[in-house]
């Protein structure tokens, strides 16, 4: 509880100060031994800002001071209500039959919004902060934590599935192939919103906590991969534009969505920009250009906050064991049904 309150107070302080503190232009970016901007470290991109802007804000990119105050009041009221509810809990020695103990995942949820929390959305282009329309015939698949959804292979979304006949019917995160927030591009989600940048003169390594993937980005003139060589995270090339590290990624394998619930990313081009704007903040900007999916480009800005800790290996054991048990359970249900056993309704 003390940790939660500390995070809350940090968030409120940033609500108050980030509008002016991050806009100052007098910050001098530290340099590496070879003179490049120093981006090294572990950075957290947790956020409680919506990716798409609520329509009521129109083209308004930032909250006003009055709206910031309203948000602060709502956060404090929610915290007080949570504390009061927790104080009333009387845990019995034996839970009531049918009671819901809650999900263990709740413990790990990190949406404290420690970054630039005065934005109305992460998407800054199109100007309305909204995802542009799909082109006719664009591939769109929706998954989720609920029941399986109708669909065909390949399953390009990360969470959920279309069936339980085999692992290929499950989402990419369940298969421990691609994390649900690791991208590229990085998109804030429930937990494990951490990444690490490791630099040397000719290379930058961008390592994600989720699924523990590392992209090795050359910063020198190096031939691009042949078009027939395709990768889950694409082929990245980087260069410096002033104090900004620019990373351009192509050669995706087509088995992932390009952004949100849409696309197949085969022809997508991703441009990422990493700019250190203060000691503890890197502005992460990305642009998705996928003309086979969207009628326009999408650009978003996600502030990342420097962390004092380190990244631990995320080996996706839960998915490995869970996949076996998911498929095993489906085979048991099939056997019981074939034997005439009434197993009731199942998702």
C-alpha atoms as a PDB file:
ATOM      1  CA  UNK A   1       0.000   0.000   0.000  1.00  0.00           C
ATOM      2  CA  UNK A   2       2.895   2.383   0.790  1.00  0.00           C
ATOM      3  CA  UNK A   3       4.349   1.693  -2.650  1.00  0.00           C
ATOM      4  CA  UNK A   4       0.998   2.393  -4.298  1.00  0.00           C
ATOM      5  CA  UNK A   5       0.682   5.708  -2.465  1.00  0.00           C
ATOM      6  CA  UNK A   6       4.251   6.657  -3.399  1.00  0.00           C
ATOM      7  CA  UNK A   7       3.497   5.951  -7.061  1.00  0.00           C
ATOM      8  CA  UNK A   8       0.308   7.984  -6.775  1.00  0.00           C
ATOM      9  CA  UNK A   9       2.086  11.004  -5.307  1.00  0.00           C
ATOM     10  CA  UNK A  10       4.783  10.771  -7.975  1.00  0.00           C
ATOM     11  CA  UNK A  11       2.099  10.696 -10.640  1.00  0.00           C
ATOM     12  CA  UNK A  12       0.304  13.693  -9.155  1.00  0.00           C
ATOM     13  CA  UNK A  13       3.529  15.656  -8.962  1.00  0.00           C
ATOM     14  CA  UNK A  14       4.157  14.976 -12.618  1.00  0.00           C
ATOM     15  CA  UNK A  15       0.593  15.903 -13.453  1.00  0.00           C
ATOM     16  CA  UNK A  16       1.375  19.307 -11.968  1.00  0.00           C
ATOM     17  CA  UNK A  17       4.867  19.831 -13.307  1.00  0.00           C
ATOM     18  CA  UNK A  18       5.246  17.944 -16.570  1.00  0.00           C
ATOM     19  CA  UNK A  19       3.418  20.559 -18.614  1.00  0.00           C
ATOM     20  CA  UNK A  20       6.222  23.052 -17.968  1.00  0.00           C
ATOM     21  CA  UNK A  21       9.122  20.891 -16.814  1.00  0.00           C
ATOM     22  CA  UNK A  22       9.401  18.881 -20.016  1.00  0.00           C
ATOM     23  CA  UNK A  23       8.867  21.827 -22.314  1.00  0.00           C
ATOM     24  CA  UNK A  24      11.999  23.682 -21.216  1.00  0.00           C
ATOM     25  CA  UNK A  25      14.719  23.781 -23.864  1.00  0.00           C
ATOM     26  CA  UNK A  26      17.748  24.262 -21.585  1.00  0.00           C
ATOM     27  CA  UNK A  27      18.417  20.566 -20.918  1.00  0.00           C
ATOM     28  CA  UNK A  28      21.835  19.384 -22.141  1.00  0.00           C
ATOM     29  CA  UNK A  29      21.813  15.759 -23.184  1.00  0.00           C
ATOM     30  CA  UNK A  30      24.699  13.745 -21.692  1.00  0.00           C
ATOM     31  CA  UNK A  31      27.139  12.234 -24.174  1.00  0.00           C
ATOM     32  CA  UNK A  32      28.775   8.862 -24.542  1.00  0.00           C
ATOM     33  CA  UNK A  33      32.554   8.500 -24.831  1.00  0.00           C
ATOM     34  CA  UNK A  34      32.214   8.784 -28.624  1.00  0.00           C
ATOM     35  CA  UNK A  35      30.033  11.910 -28.496  1.00  0.00           C
ATOM     36  CA  UNK A  36      26.577  10.472 -29.156  1.00  0.00           C
ATOM     37  CA  UNK A  37      23.550  11.348 -26.969  1.00  0.00           C
ATOM     38  CA  UNK A  38      23.453   8.934 -24.033  1.00  0.00           C
ATOM     39  CA  UNK A  39      20.197   6.954 -24.100  1.00  0.00           C
ATOM     40  CA  UNK A  40      21.460   3.989 -22.118  1.00  0.00           C
ATOM     41  CA  UNK A  41      19.433   2.580 -19.267  1.00  0.00           C
ATOM     42  CA  UNK A  42      16.159   0.907 -18.401  1.00  0.00           C
ATOM     43  CA  UNK A  43      13.072   2.901 -19.385  1.00  0.00           C
ATOM     44  CA  UNK A  44       9.426   2.392 -18.456  1.00  0.00           C
ATOM     45  CA  UNK A  45       6.580   3.279 -20.841  1.00  0.00           C
ATOM     46  CA  UNK A  46       3.598   2.656 -18.547  1.00  0.00           C
ATOM     47  CA  UNK A  47       0.767   5.080 -19.185  1.00  0.00           C
ATOM     48  CA  UNK A  48      -2.826   5.848 -18.332  1.00  0.00           C
ATOM     49  CA  UNK A  49      -3.195   8.010 -21.442  1.00  0.00           C
ATOM     50  CA  UNK A  50      -5.461   6.506 -24.121  1.00  0.00           C
ATOM     51  CA  UNK A  51      -3.767   5.605 -27.385  1.00  0.00           C
ATOM     52  CA  UNK A  52      -6.659   7.194 -29.287  1.00  0.00           C
ATOM     53  CA  UNK A  53      -8.005  10.594 -28.260  1.00  0.00           C
ATOM     54  CA  UNK A  54     -11.561  10.747 -26.912  1.00  0.00           C
ATOM     55  CA  UNK A  55     -13.624  12.534 -29.522  1.00  0.00           C
ATOM     56  CA  UNK A  56     -14.725  15.237 -27.100  1.00  0.00           C
ATOM     57  CA  UNK A  57     -11.201  16.739 -27.232  1.00  0.00           C
ATOM     58  CA  UNK A  58     -11.156  17.181 -31.006  1.00  0.00           C
ATOM     59  CA  UNK A  59      -7.685  18.408 -31.990  1.00  0.00           C
ATOM     60  CA  UNK A  60      -6.755  19.388 -28.410  1.00  0.00           C
ATOM     61  CA  UNK A  61      -3.405  17.679 -27.775  1.00  0.00           C
ATOM     62  CA  UNK A  62      -2.901  18.637 -24.097  1.00  0.00           C
ATOM     63  CA  UNK A  63      -5.147  18.960 -21.062  1.00  0.00           C
ATOM     64  CA  UNK A  64      -5.780  22.423 -19.660  1.00  0.00           C
ATOM     65  CA  UNK A  65      -4.806  23.255 -16.070  1.00  0.00           C
ATOM     66  CA  UNK A  66      -8.467  22.954 -15.072  1.00  0.00           C
ATOM     67  CA  UNK A  67      -8.710  19.505 -16.646  1.00  0.00           C
ATOM     68  CA  UNK A  68      -5.490  18.465 -14.919  1.00  0.00           C
ATOM     69  CA  UNK A  69      -6.993  19.512 -11.588  1.00  0.00           C
ATOM     70  CA  UNK A  70     -10.179  17.570 -12.310  1.00  0.00           C
ATOM     71  CA  UNK A  71      -8.117  14.519 -13.116  1.00  0.00           C
ATOM     72  CA  UNK A  72      -6.071  14.892  -9.930  1.00  0.00           C
ATOM     73  CA  UNK A  73      -9.270  15.142  -7.873  1.00  0.00           C
ATOM     74  CA  UNK A  74     -10.697  12.039  -9.549  1.00  0.00           C
ATOM     75  CA  UNK A  75      -7.494  10.065  -8.865  1.00  0.00           C
ATOM     76  CA  UNK A  76      -7.493  11.066  -5.199  1.00  0.00           C
ATOM     77  CA  UNK A  77     -11.176  10.220  -4.831  1.00  0.00           C
ATOM     78  CA  UNK A  78     -10.582   6.819  -6.397  1.00  0.00           C
ATOM     79  CA  UNK A  79      -7.674   6.138  -4.069  1.00  0.00           C
ATOM     80  CA  UNK A  80      -9.715   7.090  -1.009  1.00  0.00           C
ATOM     81  CA  UNK A  81     -12.573   4.839  -2.129  1.00  0.00           C
ATOM     82  CA  UNK A  82     -10.145   1.950  -2.654  1.00  0.00           C
ATOM     83  CA  UNK A  83      -8.629   2.432   0.795  1.00  0.00           C
ATOM     84  CA  UNK A  84     -12.073   2.523   2.402  1.00  0.00           C
ATOM     85  CA  UNK A  85     -13.155  -0.616   0.561  1.00  0.00           C
ATOM     86  CA  UNK A  86      -9.963  -2.422   1.600  1.00  0.00           C
ATOM     87  CA  UNK A  87     -10.548  -1.472   5.237  1.00  0.00           C
ATOM     88  CA  UNK A  88     -14.016  -3.052   5.156  1.00  0.00           C
ATOM     89  CA  UNK A  89     -12.821  -6.410   3.840  1.00  0.00           C
ATOM     90  CA  UNK A  90     -13.277  -9.222   6.345  1.00  0.00           C
ATOM     91  CA  UNK A  91     -11.631 -12.300   4.880  1.00  0.00           C
ATOM     92  CA  UNK A  92     -13.334 -15.471   6.218  1.00  0.00           C
ATOM     93  CA  UNK A  93     -11.368 -18.587   7.129  1.00  0.00           C
ATOM     94  CA  UNK A  94     -13.353 -20.483   4.495  1.00  0.00           C
ATOM     95  CA  UNK A  95     -14.435 -18.539   1.382  1.00  0.00           C
ATOM     96  CA  UNK A  96     -18.102 -18.628   0.444  1.00  0.00           C
ATOM     97  CA  UNK A  97     -18.943 -21.125  -2.280  1.00  0.00           C
ATOM     98  CA  UNK A  98     -18.867 -19.377  -5.630  1.00  0.00           C
ATOM     99  CA  UNK A  99     -16.979 -16.347  -4.330  1.00  0.00           C
ATOM    100  CA  UNK A 100     -14.505 -14.718  -6.711  1.00  0.00           C
ATOM    101  CA  UNK A 101     -10.979 -14.463  -5.292  1.00  0.00           C
ATOM    102  CA  UNK A 102      -9.938 -12.072  -8.058  1.00  0.00           C
ATOM    103  CA  UNK A 103      -7.265 -12.514 -10.695  1.00  0.00           C
ATOM    104  CA  UNK A 104      -3.621 -12.814  -9.771  1.00  0.00           C
ATOM    105  CA  UNK A 105      -2.767 -10.545 -12.703  1.00  0.00           C
ATOM    106  CA  UNK A 106      -4.210  -7.572 -10.793  1.00  0.00           C
ATOM    107  CA  UNK A 107      -1.054  -7.517  -8.679  1.00  0.00           C
ATOM    108  CA  UNK A 108       1.139  -6.816 -11.703  1.00  0.00           C
ATOM    109  CA  UNK A 109      -0.925  -4.162 -13.432  1.00  0.00           C
ATOM    110  CA  UNK A 110       1.123  -0.995 -13.929  1.00  0.00           C
ATOM    111  CA  UNK A 111      -0.770   1.932 -15.386  1.00  0.00           C
ATOM    112  CA  UNK A 112       0.476   4.551 -12.956  1.00  0.00           C
ATOM    113  CA  UNK A 113       1.194   7.003 -15.770  1.00  0.00           C
ATOM    114  CA  UNK A 114       4.524   8.268 -14.468  1.00  0.00           C
ATOM    115  CA  UNK A 115       5.305  10.115 -17.675  1.00  0.00           C
ATOM    116  CA  UNK A 116       3.807  12.946 -19.673  1.00  0.00           C
ATOM    117  CA  UNK A 117       0.289  12.593 -18.298  1.00  0.00           C
ATOM    118  CA  UNK A 118      -1.056  15.887 -19.626  1.00  0.00           C
ATOM    119  CA  UNK A 119      -1.622  14.541 -23.136  1.00  0.00           C
ATOM    120  CA  UNK A 120      -5.125  13.724 -24.315  1.00  0.00           C
ATOM    121  CA  UNK A 121      -3.838  10.798 -26.418  1.00  0.00           C
ATOM    122  CA  UNK A 122      -0.624   9.156 -27.509  1.00  0.00           C
ATOM    123  CA  UNK A 123      -1.592   9.480 -31.177  1.00  0.00           C
ATOM    124  CA  UNK A 124      -0.646  12.969 -32.399  1.00  0.00           C
ATOM    125  CA  UNK A 125      -1.191  12.375 -36.117  1.00  0.00           C
ATOM    126  CA  UNK A 126      -3.776  12.416 -37.630  1.00  0.00           C
ATOM    127  CA  UNK A 127      -4.474  15.671 -35.842  1.00  0.00           C
ATOM    128  CA  UNK A 128      -7.667  14.392 -34.242  1.00  0.00           C
ATOM    129  CA  UNK A 129      -5.605  11.799 -32.379  1.00  0.00           C
ATOM    130  CA  UNK A 130      -7.662   9.006 -33.887  1.00  0.00           C
ATOM    131  CA  UNK A 131      -6.641   5.953 -35.866  1.00  0.00           C
ATOM    132  CA  UNK A 132      -7.308   6.597 -39.563  1.00  0.00           C
ATOM    133  CA  UNK A 133      -9.841   4.576 -41.506  1.00  0.00           C
ATOM    134  CA  UNK A 134      -9.000   1.162 -42.918  1.00  0.00           C
ATOM    135  CA  UNK A 135      -8.520   0.774 -46.639  1.00  0.00           C
ATOM    136  CA  UNK A 136     -10.977  -1.504 -48.392  1.00  0.00           C
ATOM    137  CA  UNK A 137     -10.052  -5.142 -47.891  1.00  0.00           C
ATOM    138  CA  UNK A 138      -7.664  -4.518 -44.991  1.00  0.00           C
ATOM    139  CA  UNK A 139      -7.001  -7.515 -42.774  1.00  0.00           C
ATOM    140  CA  UNK A 140      -8.691  -6.985 -39.396  1.00  0.00           C
ATOM    141  CA  UNK A 141      -8.651  -9.517 -36.554  1.00  0.00           C
ATOM    142  CA  UNK A 142      -9.854  -8.924 -33.004  1.00  0.00           C
ATOM    143  CA  UNK A 143      -8.710 -11.068 -30.093  1.00  0.00           C
ATOM    144  CA  UNK A 144      -9.096 -10.818 -26.342  1.00  0.00           C
ATOM    145  CA  UNK A 145      -9.119 -12.552 -22.990  1.00  0.00           C
ATOM    146  CA  UNK A 146     -12.686 -13.774 -23.413  1.00  0.00           C
ATOM    147  CA  UNK A 147     -14.057 -16.656 -25.478  1.00  0.00           C
ATOM    148  CA  UNK A 148     -12.355 -17.623 -28.727  1.00  0.00           C
ATOM    149  CA  UNK A 149     -13.403 -15.563 -31.728  1.00  0.00           C
ATOM    150  CA  UNK A 150     -14.131 -16.874 -35.235  1.00  0.00           C
ATOM    151  CA  UNK A 151     -11.214 -16.619 -37.604  1.00  0.00           C
ATOM    152  CA  UNK A 152      -8.685 -18.321 -39.812  1.00  0.00           C
ATOM    153  CA  UNK A 153      -4.980 -19.018 -39.562  1.00  0.00           C
ATOM    154  CA  UNK A 154      -2.609 -17.303 -39.315  1.00  0.00           C
ATOM    155  CA  UNK A 155      -3.706 -15.712 -36.027  1.00  0.00           C
ATOM    156  CA  UNK A 156      -2.013 -12.304 -36.088  1.00  0.00           C
ATOM    157  CA  UNK A 157      -3.262 -10.813 -32.839  1.00  0.00           C
ATOM    158  CA  UNK A 158      -1.390 -11.409 -29.595  1.00  0.00           C
ATOM    159  CA  UNK A 159      -4.045 -12.318 -26.991  1.00  0.00           C
ATOM    160  CA  UNK A 160      -6.806 -14.892 -27.377  1.00  0.00           C
ATOM    161  CA  UNK A 161      -7.382 -17.386 -30.146  1.00  0.00           C
ATOM    162  CA  UNK A 162      -9.718 -18.860 -32.736  1.00  0.00           C
ATOM    163  CA  UNK A 163      -9.748 -22.503 -31.600  1.00  0.00           C
ATOM    164  CA  UNK A 164      -7.879 -25.086 -29.533  1.00  0.00           C
ATOM    165  CA  UNK A 165      -7.060 -27.638 -32.201  1.00  0.00           C
ATOM    166  CA  UNK A 166      -3.376 -26.740 -32.082  1.00  0.00           C
ATOM    167  CA  UNK A 167      -0.954 -24.021 -30.952  1.00  0.00           C
ATOM    168  CA  UNK A 168      -1.314 -22.267 -34.316  1.00  0.00           C
ATOM    169  CA  UNK A 169      -4.879 -21.378 -33.295  1.00  0.00           C
ATOM    170  CA  UNK A 170      -3.701 -19.293 -30.344  1.00  0.00           C
ATOM    171  CA  UNK A 171      -2.473 -15.696 -30.203  1.00  0.00           C
ATOM    172  CA  UNK A 172       1.171 -14.775 -30.593  1.00  0.00           C
ATOM    173  CA  UNK A 173       1.608 -13.849 -26.937  1.00  0.00           C
ATOM    174  CA  UNK A 174       0.145 -17.159 -25.759  1.00  0.00           C
ATOM    175  CA  UNK A 175       2.641 -18.866 -28.056  1.00  0.00           C
ATOM    176  CA  UNK A 176       5.500 -16.811 -26.503  1.00  0.00           C
ATOM    177  CA  UNK A 177       6.434 -15.405 -29.911  1.00  0.00           C
ATOM    178  CA  UNK A 178       5.552 -11.711 -29.571  1.00  0.00           C
ATOM    179  CA  UNK A 179       4.683  -9.825 -26.396  1.00  0.00           C
ATOM    180  CA  UNK A 180       1.419  -7.906 -26.288  1.00  0.00           C
ATOM    181  CA  UNK A 181       3.224  -4.606 -25.695  1.00  0.00           C
ATOM    182  CA  UNK A 182       6.755  -5.219 -26.976  1.00  0.00           C
ATOM    183  CA  UNK A 183       6.156  -4.318 -30.594  1.00  0.00           C
ATOM    184  CA  UNK A 184       7.843  -2.819 -32.344  1.00  0.00           C
ATOM    185  CA  UNK A 185       6.371  -0.292 -31.810  1.00  0.00           C
ATOM    186  CA  UNK A 186       6.108  -0.222 -28.017  1.00  0.00           C
ATOM    187  CA  UNK A 187       2.550   0.356 -26.817  1.00  0.00           C
ATOM    188  CA  UNK A 188       1.714   0.767 -23.095  1.00  0.00           C
ATOM    189  CA  UNK A 189      -0.241  -2.164 -21.698  1.00  0.00           C
ATOM    190  CA  UNK A 190      -1.032  -3.925 -18.422  1.00  0.00           C
ATOM    191  CA  UNK A 191       2.465  -4.818 -17.251  1.00  0.00           C
ATOM    192  CA  UNK A 192       6.123  -5.396 -18.220  1.00  0.00           C
ATOM    193  CA  UNK A 193       6.251  -1.959 -19.825  1.00  0.00           C
ATOM    194  CA  UNK A 194      10.020  -1.891 -19.624  1.00  0.00           C
ATOM    195  CA  UNK A 195      12.774  -1.729 -22.207  1.00  0.00           C
ATOM    196  CA  UNK A 196      16.513  -1.199 -22.155  1.00  0.00           C
ATOM    197  CA  UNK A 197      18.820   0.651 -24.525  1.00  0.00           C
ATOM    198  CA  UNK A 198      22.455  -0.434 -24.786  1.00  0.00           C
ATOM    199  CA  UNK A 199      24.796   1.650 -26.940  1.00  0.00           C
ATOM    200  CA  UNK A 200      28.187   1.530 -28.541  1.00  0.00           C
ATOM    201  CA  UNK A 201      29.568   3.632 -31.341  1.00  0.00           C
ATOM    202  CA  UNK A 202      28.215   1.615 -34.260  1.00  0.00           C
ATOM    203  CA  UNK A 203      25.266  -0.244 -32.694  1.00  0.00           C
ATOM    204  CA  UNK A 204      22.257   0.286 -30.466  1.00  0.00           C
ATOM    205  CA  UNK A 205      20.519  -2.639 -28.802  1.00  0.00           C
ATOM    206  CA  UNK A 206      16.825  -2.188 -28.000  1.00  0.00           C
ATOM    207  CA  UNK A 207      15.772  -4.911 -25.575  1.00  0.00           C
ATOM    208  CA  UNK A 208      12.245  -5.439 -24.321  1.00  0.00           C
ATOM    209  CA  UNK A 209      11.257  -7.056 -21.041  1.00  0.00           C
ATOM    210  CA  UNK A 210       8.171  -8.720 -22.507  1.00  0.00           C
ATOM    211  CA  UNK A 211       9.161 -11.984 -24.241  1.00  0.00           C
ATOM    212  CA  UNK A 212      12.761 -10.819 -23.765  1.00  0.00           C
ATOM    213  CA  UNK A 213      13.482  -9.761 -27.336  1.00  0.00           C
ATOM    214  CA  UNK A 214      16.546  -7.754 -28.402  1.00  0.00           C
ATOM    215  CA  UNK A 215      16.830  -5.790 -31.640  1.00  0.00           C
ATOM    216  CA  UNK A 216      20.408  -5.079 -32.707  1.00  0.00           C
ATOM    217  CA  UNK A 217      20.299  -1.836 -34.681  1.00  0.00           C
ATOM    218  CA  UNK A 218      23.349  -0.937 -36.791  1.00  0.00           C
ATOM    219  CA  UNK A 219      24.155   2.788 -36.828  1.00  0.00           C
ATOM    220  CA  UNK A 220      26.493   2.564 -39.806  1.00  0.00           C
ATOM    221  CA  UNK A 221      25.862   2.303 -43.523  1.00  0.00           C
ATOM    222  CA  UNK A 222      25.018  -1.353 -43.974  1.00  0.00           C
ATOM    223  CA  UNK A 223      23.184  -3.036 -46.874  1.00  0.00           C
ATOM    224  CA  UNK A 224      19.509  -3.747 -46.229  1.00  0.00           C
ATOM    225  CA  UNK A 225      18.296  -7.327 -46.131  1.00  0.00           C
ATOM    226  CA  UNK A 226      16.977  -8.897 -49.299  1.00  0.00           C
ATOM    227  CA  UNK A 227      13.244  -8.533 -49.667  1.00  0.00           C
ATOM    228  CA  UNK A 228      12.699 -12.275 -49.246  1.00  0.00           C
ATOM    229  CA  UNK A 229      14.285 -12.286 -45.757  1.00  0.00           C
ATOM    230  CA  UNK A 230      11.493 -11.546 -43.283  1.00  0.00           C
ATOM    231  CA  UNK A 231      11.564 -11.294 -39.470  1.00  0.00           C
ATOM    232  CA  UNK A 232       9.016 -11.110 -36.629  1.00  0.00           C
ATOM    233  CA  UNK A 233      10.451  -7.758 -35.480  1.00  0.00           C
ATOM    234  CA  UNK A 234      11.565  -6.654 -38.926  1.00  0.00           C
ATOM    235  CA  UNK A 235      14.998  -5.446 -40.006  1.00  0.00           C
ATOM    236  CA  UNK A 236      16.058  -2.225 -38.260  1.00  0.00           C
ATOM    237  CA  UNK A 237      18.569   0.408 -39.371  1.00  0.00           C
ATOM    238  CA  UNK A 238      19.427   3.474 -37.274  1.00  0.00           C
ATOM    239  CA  UNK A 239      21.039   6.885 -37.590  1.00  0.00           C
ATOM    240  CA  UNK A 240      21.384  10.102 -35.591  1.00  0.00           C
ATOM    241  CA  UNK A 241      19.359  13.185 -36.472  1.00  0.00           C
ATOM    242  CA  UNK A 242      20.875  15.744 -34.133  1.00  0.00           C
ATOM    243  CA  UNK A 243      20.195  14.416 -30.623  1.00  0.00           C
ATOM    244  CA  UNK A 244      17.508  11.985 -31.821  1.00  0.00           C
ATOM    245  CA  UNK A 245      18.113   8.312 -32.542  1.00  0.00           C
ATOM    246  CA  UNK A 246      16.026   7.393 -35.592  1.00  0.00           C
ATOM    247  CA  UNK A 247      15.324   3.715 -36.265  1.00  0.00           C
ATOM    248  CA  UNK A 248      13.664   2.610 -39.505  1.00  0.00           C
ATOM    249  CA  UNK A 249      12.318  -0.942 -39.662  1.00  0.00           C
ATOM    250  CA  UNK A 250      11.154  -2.910 -42.697  1.00  0.00           C
ATOM    251  CA  UNK A 251      11.083  -6.559 -43.772  1.00  0.00           C
ATOM    252  CA  UNK A 252       8.373  -7.658 -41.353  1.00  0.00           C
ATOM    253  CA  UNK A 253       7.208 -11.219 -41.933  1.00  0.00           C
ATOM    254  CA  UNK A 254       3.512 -10.465 -42.441  1.00  0.00           C
ATOM    255  CA  UNK A 255       2.370 -12.649 -39.527  1.00  0.00           C
ATOM    256  CA  UNK A 256       1.693  -9.749 -37.163  1.00  0.00           C
ATOM    257  CA  UNK A 257      -0.724  -6.851 -37.199  1.00  0.00           C
ATOM    258  CA  UNK A 258       0.846  -3.533 -38.152  1.00  0.00           C
ATOM    259  CA  UNK A 259      -1.065  -1.495 -35.547  1.00  0.00           C
ATOM    260  CA  UNK A 260      -3.973  -2.196 -33.231  1.00  0.00           C
ATOM    261  CA  UNK A 261      -6.246  -4.901 -34.590  1.00  0.00           C
ATOM    262  CA  UNK A 262      -5.417  -4.388 -38.252  1.00  0.00           C
ATOM    263  CA  UNK A 263      -2.912  -5.169 -40.940  1.00  0.00           C
ATOM    264  CA  UNK A 264      -0.522  -7.958 -41.711  1.00  0.00           C
ATOM    265  CA  UNK A 265       2.641  -5.748 -41.587  1.00  0.00           C
ATOM    266  CA  UNK A 266       4.317  -7.314 -44.644  1.00  0.00           C
ATOM    267  CA  UNK A 267       4.668  -3.955 -46.404  1.00  0.00           C
ATOM    268  CA  UNK A 268       4.638  -1.794 -43.269  1.00  0.00           C
ATOM    269  CA  UNK A 269       7.444   0.670 -42.555  1.00  0.00           C
ATOM    270  CA  UNK A 270       8.008   1.673 -38.942  1.00  0.00           C
ATOM    271  CA  UNK A 271       9.979   4.779 -37.992  1.00  0.00           C
ATOM    272  CA  UNK A 272      10.914   5.226 -34.325  1.00  0.00           C
ATOM    273  CA  UNK A 273      12.539   8.266 -32.722  1.00  0.00           C
ATOM    274  CA  UNK A 274      14.208   8.290 -29.300  1.00  0.00           C
ATOM    275  CA  UNK A 275      14.929  11.761 -27.878  1.00  0.00           C
ATOM    276  CA  UNK A 276      16.165  12.374 -24.343  1.00  0.00           C
ATOM    277  CA  UNK A 277      14.370  15.497 -23.114  1.00  0.00           C
ATOM    278  CA  UNK A 278      15.397  15.401 -19.436  1.00  0.00           C
ATOM    279  CA  UNK A 279      17.482  13.336 -17.038  1.00  0.00           C
ATOM    280  CA  UNK A 280      14.671  10.874 -16.465  1.00  0.00           C
ATOM    281  CA  UNK A 281      12.593  11.131 -19.670  1.00  0.00           C
ATOM    282  CA  UNK A 282      12.971   9.923 -23.244  1.00  0.00           C
ATOM    283  CA  UNK A 283      10.271  10.873 -25.724  1.00  0.00           C
ATOM    284  CA  UNK A 284       9.545   7.812 -27.832  1.00  0.00           C
ATOM    285  CA  UNK A 285       7.833   8.707 -31.093  1.00  0.00           C
ATOM    286  CA  UNK A 286       6.795   6.202 -33.708  1.00  0.00           C
ATOM    287  CA  UNK A 287       5.176   6.408 -37.124  1.00  0.00           C
ATOM    288  CA  UNK A 288       3.446   3.451 -38.753  1.00  0.00           C
ATOM    289  CA  UNK A 289       3.204   3.684 -42.545  1.00  0.00           C
ATOM    290  CA  UNK A 290       1.105   0.823 -43.890  1.00  0.00           C
ATOM    291  CA  UNK A 291      -0.820   1.950 -47.003  1.00  0.00           C
ATOM    292  CA  UNK A 292      -2.249  -1.543 -47.419  1.00  0.00           C
ATOM    293  CA  UNK A 293      -4.100  -1.169 -44.114  1.00  0.00           C
ATOM    294  CA  UNK A 294      -4.698   2.510 -43.284  1.00  0.00           C
ATOM    295  CA  UNK A 295      -5.696   5.504 -45.380  1.00  0.00           C
ATOM    296  CA  UNK A 296      -3.054   7.629 -43.635  1.00  0.00           C
ATOM    297  CA  UNK A 297       0.042   7.300 -41.483  1.00  0.00           C
ATOM    298  CA  UNK A 298      -0.155   7.038 -37.670  1.00  0.00           C
ATOM    299  CA  UNK A 299       2.244   8.915 -35.376  1.00  0.00           C
ATOM    300  CA  UNK A 300       2.245   8.569 -31.590  1.00  0.00           C
ATOM    301  CA  UNK A 301       4.407   9.877 -28.741  1.00  0.00           C
ATOM    302  CA  UNK A 302       4.948   7.782 -25.608  1.00  0.00           C
ATOM    303  CA  UNK A 303       7.140   9.288 -22.859  1.00  0.00           C
ATOM    304  CA  UNK A 304       9.466   6.752 -21.213  1.00  0.00           C
ATOM    305  CA  UNK A 305      10.701   7.237 -17.638  1.00  0.00           C
ATOM    306  CA  UNK A 306      14.145   6.179 -16.419  1.00  0.00           C
ATOM    307  CA  UNK A 307      14.117   3.311 -13.921  1.00  0.00           C
ATOM    308  CA  UNK A 308      16.663   2.572 -11.200  1.00  0.00           C
ATOM    309  CA  UNK A 309      16.194  -1.196 -11.473  1.00  0.00           C
ATOM    310  CA  UNK A 310      17.143  -3.716 -14.089  1.00  0.00           C
ATOM    311  CA  UNK A 311      15.316  -5.936 -16.530  1.00  0.00           C
ATOM    312  CA  UNK A 312      14.896  -9.549 -15.543  1.00  0.00           C
ATOM    313  CA  UNK A 313      14.501 -12.344 -18.042  1.00  0.00           C
ATOM    314  CA  UNK A 314      10.904 -12.886 -19.103  1.00  0.00           C
ATOM    315  CA  UNK A 315      11.020 -16.510 -20.210  1.00  0.00           C
ATOM    316  CA  UNK A 316       7.273 -16.921 -20.872  1.00  0.00           C
ATOM    317  CA  UNK A 317       7.058 -20.148 -18.876  1.00  0.00           C
ATOM    318  CA  UNK A 318       3.393 -19.504 -18.138  1.00  0.00           C
ATOM    319  CA  UNK A 319       2.610 -19.554 -21.834  1.00  0.00           C
ATOM    320  CA  UNK A 320       4.722 -22.659 -22.389  1.00  0.00           C
ATOM    321  CA  UNK A 321       2.919 -24.674 -19.695  1.00  0.00           C
ATOM    322  CA  UNK A 322      -0.417 -22.976 -20.329  1.00  0.00           C
ATOM    323  CA  UNK A 323      -0.352 -23.971 -24.005  1.00  0.00           C
ATOM    324  CA  UNK A 324       0.047 -27.644 -23.116  1.00  0.00           C
ATOM    325  CA  UNK A 325      -2.760 -27.513 -20.559  1.00  0.00           C
ATOM    326  CA  UNK A 326      -5.074 -25.511 -22.842  1.00  0.00           C
ATOM    327  CA  UNK A 327      -4.801 -28.100 -25.609  1.00  0.00           C
ATOM    328  CA  UNK A 328      -4.920 -31.018 -23.165  1.00  0.00           C
ATOM    329  CA  UNK A 329      -8.106 -29.637 -21.597  1.00  0.00           C
ATOM    330  CA  UNK A 330      -9.711 -29.313 -25.036  1.00  0.00           C
ATOM    331  CA  UNK A 331      -8.917 -32.965 -25.797  1.00  0.00           C
ATOM    332  CA  UNK A 332     -10.442 -34.055 -22.474  1.00  0.00           C
ATOM    333  CA  UNK A 333     -13.619 -32.122 -23.251  1.00  0.00           C
ATOM    334  CA  UNK A 334     -13.810 -33.746 -26.684  1.00  0.00           C
ATOM    335  CA  UNK A 335     -13.420 -37.206 -25.153  1.00  0.00           C
ATOM    336  CA  UNK A 336     -16.098 -36.555 -22.538  1.00  0.00           C
ATOM    337  CA  UNK A 337     -18.515 -35.308 -25.171  1.00  0.00           C
ATOM    338  CA  UNK A 338     -17.880 -38.385 -27.313  1.00  0.00           C
ATOM    339  CA  UNK A 339     -18.720 -40.516 -24.267  1.00  0.00           C
ATOM    340  CA  UNK A 340     -22.014 -38.689 -23.820  1.00  0.00           C
ATOM    341  CA  UNK A 341     -20.994 -36.800 -20.692  1.00  0.00           C
ATOM    342  CA  UNK A 342     -22.791 -33.483 -20.184  1.00  0.00           C
ATOM    343  CA  UNK A 343     -20.031 -31.000 -19.380  1.00  0.00           C
ATOM    344  CA  UNK A 344     -22.254 -27.913 -19.585  1.00  0.00           C
ATOM    345  CA  UNK A 345     -21.461 -24.749 -21.490  1.00  0.00           C
ATOM    346  CA  UNK A 346     -17.811 -23.933 -22.168  1.00  0.00           C
ATOM    347  CA  UNK A 347     -16.147 -20.986 -23.844  1.00  0.00           C
END
